[in-house]
Amino acid sequence: MMWQSERVSDSPFADETPAPPRWSIERRLAFIGERLAWDRRINRADLVQRFGISPNQATQDLRRFEEAHPGALAYDQRGRTYRALPAWTRPDAADADALLRELRLIAEGVMPAADGRLEPPPQVEIADAPLRPVAPDVLRAVIDAIRHRRAFAAGYRSFSTPGVTRRVLEPHSLLFDGFRWHARAHDVARARFGDFVLGRLGAIMPGDAARTGSGDDAEWQRRETLVIVPHPGLTEAQREAVAIDYGMQDGRLVLEPRAAVSFYVKKRLGLTEGHHNRPPTEQHVVLLASERSSAEKPL
């Protein structure tokens, strides 16, 4: 729903005090809805502290919200706060996913806790993997090459080839496999697309305009279907628990990653060769079926 922005007064100084942009009001109203959905309460101070507006403006926003959503909230005189009424919409699955991503950003120090939906947020601990370093100059050069569709030359330490080899690459995308960042690029000398770990790239020398792009990368354009089910060796109760844990429908989860990314998806889920033979208490899910992928492992 679109909300009308505040009216500017007719004073001679109106041009010097323009109305806040339309999105600012919409964002504040969305914040009210989010806070009511999760905390079931909100007050003027929440809006004042979050958006730096005046108490009067906060009151106006709460009135706007109440007018747009009759029966959504009521003022609690004793608690001196607005409380959500039963009629107000409960958070859905997408809201829950967004909140969990937000809590992770707060726990990792990327987002200030004050910018979150909850006040205060719960304590969160992240079982994080070691950070794989990427040289800032390398990252900037790769991003520039992607943006401007240019090739670059760089030294690269391949896992399968000893020493440093010179590569001329035409990158079109960045790829994160859950642990490391890669450049998805066309290797000019080898005439094929592959994934190049950013941390293994040396000094980059900008080159000519790239002759290939993501549209030429067949494995990037194609989707692979992965059908994942609970390990058949689990008990019925365990299979039900796994199905709930993974959000399966009718006992299966269908994923459709890019063929170029499918290898990493399988690896993160433990769906590597021979995974069906692992003990079910260790390997909770198995791959029921998939289209064969010619996606390469990291070079």
Protein backbone atom coordinates (compact mmCIF):
# COMPACT_ATOMS: atom_id res chain seq x y z
CA MET A 1 0.00 0.00 0.00
CA MET A 2 1.36 3.45 -0.88
CA TRP A 3 1.34 6.14 1.75
CA GLN A 4 1.00 9.88 1.19
CA SER A 5 3.99 11.97 2.16
CA GLU A 6 3.77 14.77 4.73
CA ARG A 7 2.44 18.07 3.41
CA VAL A 8 4.82 21.01 3.21
CA SER A 9 3.55 24.18 4.85
CA ASP A 10 2.64 27.21 2.76
CA SER A 11 5.21 29.40 4.51
CA PRO A 12 7.66 31.45 2.43
CA PHE A 13 10.38 29.09 3.67
CA ALA A 14 8.67 26.00 2.27
CA ASP A 15 11.31 25.53 -0.41
CA GLU A 16 13.97 25.38 2.31
CA THR A 17 12.16 22.65 4.25
CA PRO A 18 11.00 20.08 1.70
CA ALA A 19 8.79 17.21 2.72
CA PRO A 20 10.57 13.99 3.57
CA PRO A 21 10.77 11.61 0.62
CA ARG A 22 7.84 9.25 0.13
CA TRP A 23 9.87 6.16 1.01
CA SER A 24 10.70 7.51 4.48
CA ILE A 25 7.07 7.38 5.55
CA GLU A 26 6.53 3.99 3.94
CA ARG A 27 9.61 2.64 5.68
CA ARG A 28 8.44 3.92 9.07
CA LEU A 29 5.00 2.39 8.58
CA ALA A 30 6.59 -0.90 7.52
CA PHE A 31 8.75 -0.76 10.66
CA ILE A 32 5.64 -0.33 12.81
CA GLY A 33 4.13 -3.42 11.22
CA GLU A 34 7.32 -5.44 11.67
CA ARG A 35 7.75 -4.43 15.30
CA LEU A 36 4.11 -5.29 16.07
CA ALA A 37 4.47 -8.65 14.31
CA TRP A 38 7.53 -9.73 16.26
CA ASP A 39 7.51 -7.78 19.54
CA ARG A 40 3.71 -7.33 19.70
CA ARG A 41 4.30 -3.80 20.95
CA ILE A 42 5.68 -0.42 19.86
CA ASN A 43 5.88 3.12 21.21
CA ARG A 44 6.82 6.55 19.95
CA ALA A 45 10.35 6.29 21.31
CA ASP A 46 11.02 3.33 18.99
CA LEU A 47 10.31 5.51 15.96
CA VAL A 48 12.14 8.54 17.35
CA GLN A 49 15.29 6.55 18.08
CA ARG A 50 15.21 4.53 14.88
CA PHE A 51 14.49 7.32 12.38
CA GLY A 52 15.49 10.49 14.20
CA ILE A 53 12.03 12.04 13.87
CA SER A 54 10.15 14.16 16.39
CA PRO A 55 7.70 12.66 18.91
CA ASN A 56 4.87 14.48 17.13
CA GLN A 57 5.84 12.91 13.82
CA ALA A 58 6.00 9.50 15.50
CA THR A 59 2.46 10.03 16.79
CA GLN A 60 1.28 10.94 13.30
CA ASP A 61 2.88 7.78 11.89
CA LEU A 62 1.14 5.61 14.48
CA ARG A 63 -2.17 7.27 13.62
CA ARG A 64 -1.55 6.70 9.90
CA PHE A 65 -0.87 3.05 10.57
CA GLU A 66 -4.00 2.70 12.70
CA GLU A 67 -6.12 4.35 10.00
CA ALA A 68 -4.73 2.02 7.35
CA HIS A 69 -5.09 -1.08 9.56
CA PRO A 70 -8.15 -0.71 11.82
CA GLY A 71 -8.02 -3.08 14.76
CA ALA A 72 -4.29 -3.74 14.40
CA LEU A 73 -3.15 -2.04 17.61
CA ALA A 74 -4.42 -0.36 20.74
CA TYR A 75 -2.81 1.92 23.30
CA ASP A 76 -2.08 0.34 26.68
CA GLN A 77 -2.43 3.13 29.26
CA ARG A 78 -0.78 1.16 32.03
CA GLY A 79 2.19 0.02 29.94
CA ARG A 80 2.35 3.33 28.05
CA THR A 81 2.84 1.51 24.79
CA TYR A 82 0.88 0.40 21.73
CA ARG A 83 0.15 -3.32 21.64
CA ALA A 84 -0.76 -5.50 18.68
CA LEU A 85 -4.30 -6.86 18.67
CA PRO A 86 -5.10 -10.43 17.60
CA ALA A 87 -6.31 -9.20 14.22
CA TRP A 88 -2.84 -7.99 13.23
CA THR A 89 -1.05 -10.14 10.66
CA ARG A 90 1.35 -12.72 12.03
CA PRO A 91 4.80 -13.03 10.42
CA ASP A 92 5.02 -15.49 7.54
CA ALA A 93 7.87 -17.75 6.40
CA ALA A 94 9.48 -14.99 4.34
CA ASP A 95 9.40 -12.67 7.36
CA ALA A 96 11.04 -15.36 9.49
CA ASP A 97 13.80 -15.89 6.92
CA ALA A 98 14.43 -12.14 6.76
CA LEU A 99 14.62 -11.89 10.55
CA LEU A 100 17.09 -14.77 10.81
CA ARG A 101 19.31 -13.18 8.12
CA GLU A 102 19.15 -9.93 10.05
CA LEU A 103 20.11 -11.63 13.33
CA ARG A 104 23.08 -13.20 11.59
CA LEU A 105 24.24 -9.82 10.28
CA ILE A 106 23.96 -8.39 13.79
CA ALA A 107 25.89 -11.31 15.30
CA GLU A 108 28.64 -10.89 12.68
CA GLY A 109 28.90 -7.18 13.41
CA VAL A 110 27.74 -6.13 9.96
CA MET A 111 24.49 -4.51 11.15
CA PRO A 112 24.07 -2.47 14.35
CA ALA A 113 21.62 -4.08 16.76
CA ALA A 114 19.71 -0.78 16.89
CA ASP A 115 18.83 -1.19 13.19
CA GLY A 116 17.15 -4.54 13.72
CA ARG A 117 13.49 -5.47 13.99
CA LEU A 118 13.75 -6.56 17.63
CA GLU A 119 14.53 -4.43 20.66
CA PRO A 120 16.60 -5.87 22.11
CA PRO A 121 17.60 -8.74 19.78
CA PRO A 122 18.31 -12.14 21.34
CA GLN A 123 21.90 -13.22 21.84
CA VAL A 124 23.14 -15.10 18.78
CA GLU A 125 26.32 -17.11 18.36
CA ILE A 126 27.62 -18.05 14.91
CA ALA A 127 29.56 -21.26 14.28
CA ASP A 128 31.63 -19.50 11.67
CA ALA A 129 34.25 -20.99 9.37
CA PRO A 130 37.71 -19.40 9.09
CA LEU A 131 37.68 -16.30 6.91
CA ARG A 132 39.28 -16.88 3.52
CA PRO A 133 41.21 -13.66 2.84
CA VAL A 134 40.82 -11.77 -0.42
CA ALA A 135 43.20 -8.94 -1.29
CA PRO A 136 41.24 -5.67 -1.56
CA ASP A 137 43.02 -4.68 -4.79
CA VAL A 138 42.16 -8.03 -6.35
CA LEU A 139 38.49 -7.74 -5.35
CA ARG A 140 38.25 -4.21 -6.73
CA ALA A 141 39.91 -5.20 -10.01
CA VAL A 142 37.62 -8.21 -10.48
CA ILE A 143 34.51 -6.14 -9.77
CA ASP A 144 35.68 -3.47 -12.22
CA ALA A 145 36.28 -6.12 -14.89
CA ILE A 146 32.76 -7.53 -14.38
CA ARG A 147 31.13 -4.11 -14.46
CA HIS A 148 32.95 -2.94 -17.56
CA ARG A 149 33.04 -6.35 -19.29
CA ARG A 150 36.80 -6.44 -19.62
CA ALA A 151 39.39 -9.19 -19.46
CA PHE A 152 42.35 -9.20 -17.10
CA ALA A 153 45.62 -11.09 -16.72
CA ALA A 154 46.70 -12.45 -13.35
CA GLY A 155 48.83 -15.08 -11.71
CA TYR A 156 46.75 -17.95 -10.33
CA ARG A 157 47.54 -20.81 -7.96
CA SER A 158 45.42 -23.72 -9.08
CA PHE A 159 44.80 -26.61 -6.69
CA SER A 160 45.50 -29.09 -9.50
CA THR A 161 48.49 -27.33 -11.13
CA PRO A 162 51.69 -26.71 -9.16
CA GLY A 163 53.14 -23.22 -9.06
CA VAL A 164 51.69 -19.98 -10.37
CA THR A 165 50.28 -19.89 -13.89
CA ARG A 166 49.33 -16.82 -15.87
CA ARG A 167 45.66 -16.70 -16.76
CA VAL A 168 43.74 -14.33 -18.99
CA LEU A 169 40.21 -14.29 -17.62
CA GLU A 170 36.92 -12.70 -18.65
CA PRO A 171 34.78 -12.64 -15.48
CA HIS A 172 31.04 -12.15 -15.57
CA SER A 173 29.91 -12.88 -11.98
CA LEU A 174 31.00 -13.45 -8.40
CA LEU A 175 30.10 -16.76 -6.76
CA PHE A 176 30.05 -17.64 -3.04
CA ASP A 177 30.06 -21.34 -2.21
CA GLY A 178 29.36 -20.91 1.49
CA PHE A 179 33.04 -20.78 2.40
CA ARG A 180 34.98 -19.00 -0.35
CA TRP A 181 34.42 -16.36 -3.01
CA HIS A 182 35.08 -17.16 -6.67
CA ALA A 183 35.09 -15.29 -9.94
CA ARG A 184 33.04 -17.09 -12.56
CA ALA A 185 35.06 -16.40 -15.67
CA HIS A 186 36.04 -17.53 -19.13
CA ASP A 187 39.62 -18.80 -19.29
CA VAL A 188 40.77 -17.47 -22.66
CA ALA A 189 43.70 -19.85 -23.20
CA ARG A 190 41.70 -22.94 -22.22
CA ALA A 191 38.52 -21.70 -23.94
CA ARG A 192 36.22 -22.72 -21.09
CA PHE A 193 34.34 -21.22 -18.16
CA GLY A 194 35.31 -22.03 -14.59
CA ASP A 195 35.39 -20.82 -10.99
CA PHE A 196 38.54 -19.05 -9.80
CA VAL A 197 39.09 -18.58 -6.06
CA LEU A 198 39.62 -14.87 -5.44
CA GLY A 199 42.17 -15.53 -2.72
CA ARG A 200 44.42 -17.36 -5.19
CA LEU A 201 44.57 -14.55 -7.72
CA GLY A 202 47.74 -12.46 -7.82
CA ALA A 203 48.27 -8.92 -9.10
CA ILE A 204 45.74 -8.14 -11.81
CA MET A 205 46.52 -6.33 -15.05
CA PRO A 206 43.46 -4.93 -16.86
CA GLY A 207 43.06 -6.13 -20.44
CA ASP A 208 40.94 -5.63 -23.51
CA ALA A 209 37.18 -5.79 -23.80
CA ALA A 210 35.80 -9.23 -22.95
CA ARG A 211 34.54 -11.31 -25.86
CA THR A 212 32.31 -13.51 -23.69
CA GLY A 213 29.68 -12.95 -21.04
CA SER A 214 27.27 -14.83 -18.82
CA GLY A 215 25.06 -15.56 -21.85
CA ASP A 216 27.87 -17.64 -23.33
CA ASP A 217 28.31 -19.69 -20.16
CA ALA A 218 26.08 -22.71 -20.73
CA GLU A 219 26.50 -24.08 -17.20
CA TRP A 220 25.63 -20.68 -15.76
CA GLN A 221 22.46 -20.43 -17.83
CA ARG A 222 21.24 -23.99 -17.28
CA ARG A 223 19.38 -25.07 -14.15
CA GLU A 224 19.84 -28.48 -12.58
CA THR A 225 17.05 -30.20 -10.66
CA LEU A 226 18.02 -31.78 -7.34
CA VAL A 227 15.42 -33.83 -5.50
CA ILE A 228 16.38 -34.35 -1.86
CA VAL A 229 14.66 -36.75 0.55
CA PRO A 230 15.33 -38.03 4.09
CA HIS A 231 17.79 -40.91 4.28
CA PRO A 232 15.78 -44.13 3.90
CA GLY A 233 17.73 -45.67 6.78
CA LEU A 234 16.13 -43.29 9.27
CA THR A 235 13.10 -44.28 11.31
CA GLU A 236 9.73 -42.86 10.29
CA ALA A 237 9.83 -40.38 13.18
CA GLN A 238 13.35 -39.30 12.22
CA ARG A 239 12.34 -38.89 8.57
CA GLU A 240 9.44 -36.68 9.66
CA ALA A 241 11.80 -34.57 11.76
CA VAL A 242 14.20 -34.15 8.83
CA ALA A 243 11.34 -33.25 6.48
CA ILE A 244 10.22 -30.51 8.88
CA ASP A 245 13.80 -29.31 9.38
CA TYR A 246 14.33 -28.85 5.63
CA GLY A 247 10.84 -27.55 4.88
CA MET A 248 10.07 -30.50 2.60
CA GLN A 249 6.73 -30.91 0.87
CA ASP A 250 5.39 -34.47 0.60
CA GLY A 251 8.68 -35.75 1.97
CA ARG A 252 10.92 -34.14 -0.61
CA LEU A 253 12.74 -30.89 -1.31
CA VAL A 254 13.29 -29.74 -4.89
CA LEU A 255 16.19 -27.37 -5.54
CA GLU A 256 17.04 -25.82 -8.89
CA PRO A 257 20.51 -24.28 -8.67
CA ARG A 258 22.51 -23.17 -11.66
CA ALA A 259 24.44 -26.12 -13.05
CA ALA A 260 27.64 -24.16 -12.37
CA VAL A 261 26.67 -23.91 -8.68
CA SER A 262 25.20 -27.39 -8.23
CA PHE A 263 28.53 -28.90 -7.15
CA TYR A 264 28.74 -26.54 -4.18
CA VAL A 265 25.12 -27.10 -3.17
CA LYS A 266 25.69 -30.86 -3.11
CA LYS A 267 28.94 -30.46 -1.19
CA ARG A 268 27.35 -28.30 1.52
CA LEU A 269 24.57 -30.84 1.98
CA GLY A 270 27.00 -33.76 2.02
CA LEU A 271 25.55 -35.12 -1.23
CA THR A 272 28.91 -36.16 -2.62
CA GLU A 273 29.72 -39.52 -4.20
CA GLY A 274 28.80 -42.44 -1.96
CA HIS A 275 26.67 -40.37 0.42
CA HIS A 276 23.87 -42.95 0.29
CA ASN A 277 26.18 -45.41 2.06
CA ARG A 278 26.98 -43.14 5.02
CA PRO A 279 25.22 -43.86 8.33
CA PRO A 280 21.80 -42.17 8.30
CA THR A 281 22.49 -40.56 11.69
CA GLU A 282 25.38 -38.67 10.02
CA GLN A 283 23.87 -38.11 6.56
CA HIS A 284 20.26 -37.11 7.14
CA VAL A 285 19.36 -36.44 3.50
CA VAL A 286 20.11 -38.15 0.20
CA LEU A 287 19.81 -37.17 -3.42
CA LEU A 288 16.85 -38.95 -4.96
CA ALA A 289 17.42 -37.80 -8.51
CA SER A 290 19.21 -35.14 -10.50
CA GLU A 291 19.96 -34.17 -14.02
CA ARG A 292 23.60 -34.91 -14.78
CA SER A 293 25.69 -31.78 -14.50
CA SER A 294 28.93 -31.09 -16.33
CA ALA A 295 29.75 -28.30 -13.88
CA GLU A 296 33.47 -28.20 -13.12
CA LYS A 297 34.99 -28.19 -9.67
CA PRO A 298 37.01 -25.06 -8.73
CA LEU A 299 40.08 -24.68 -10.92
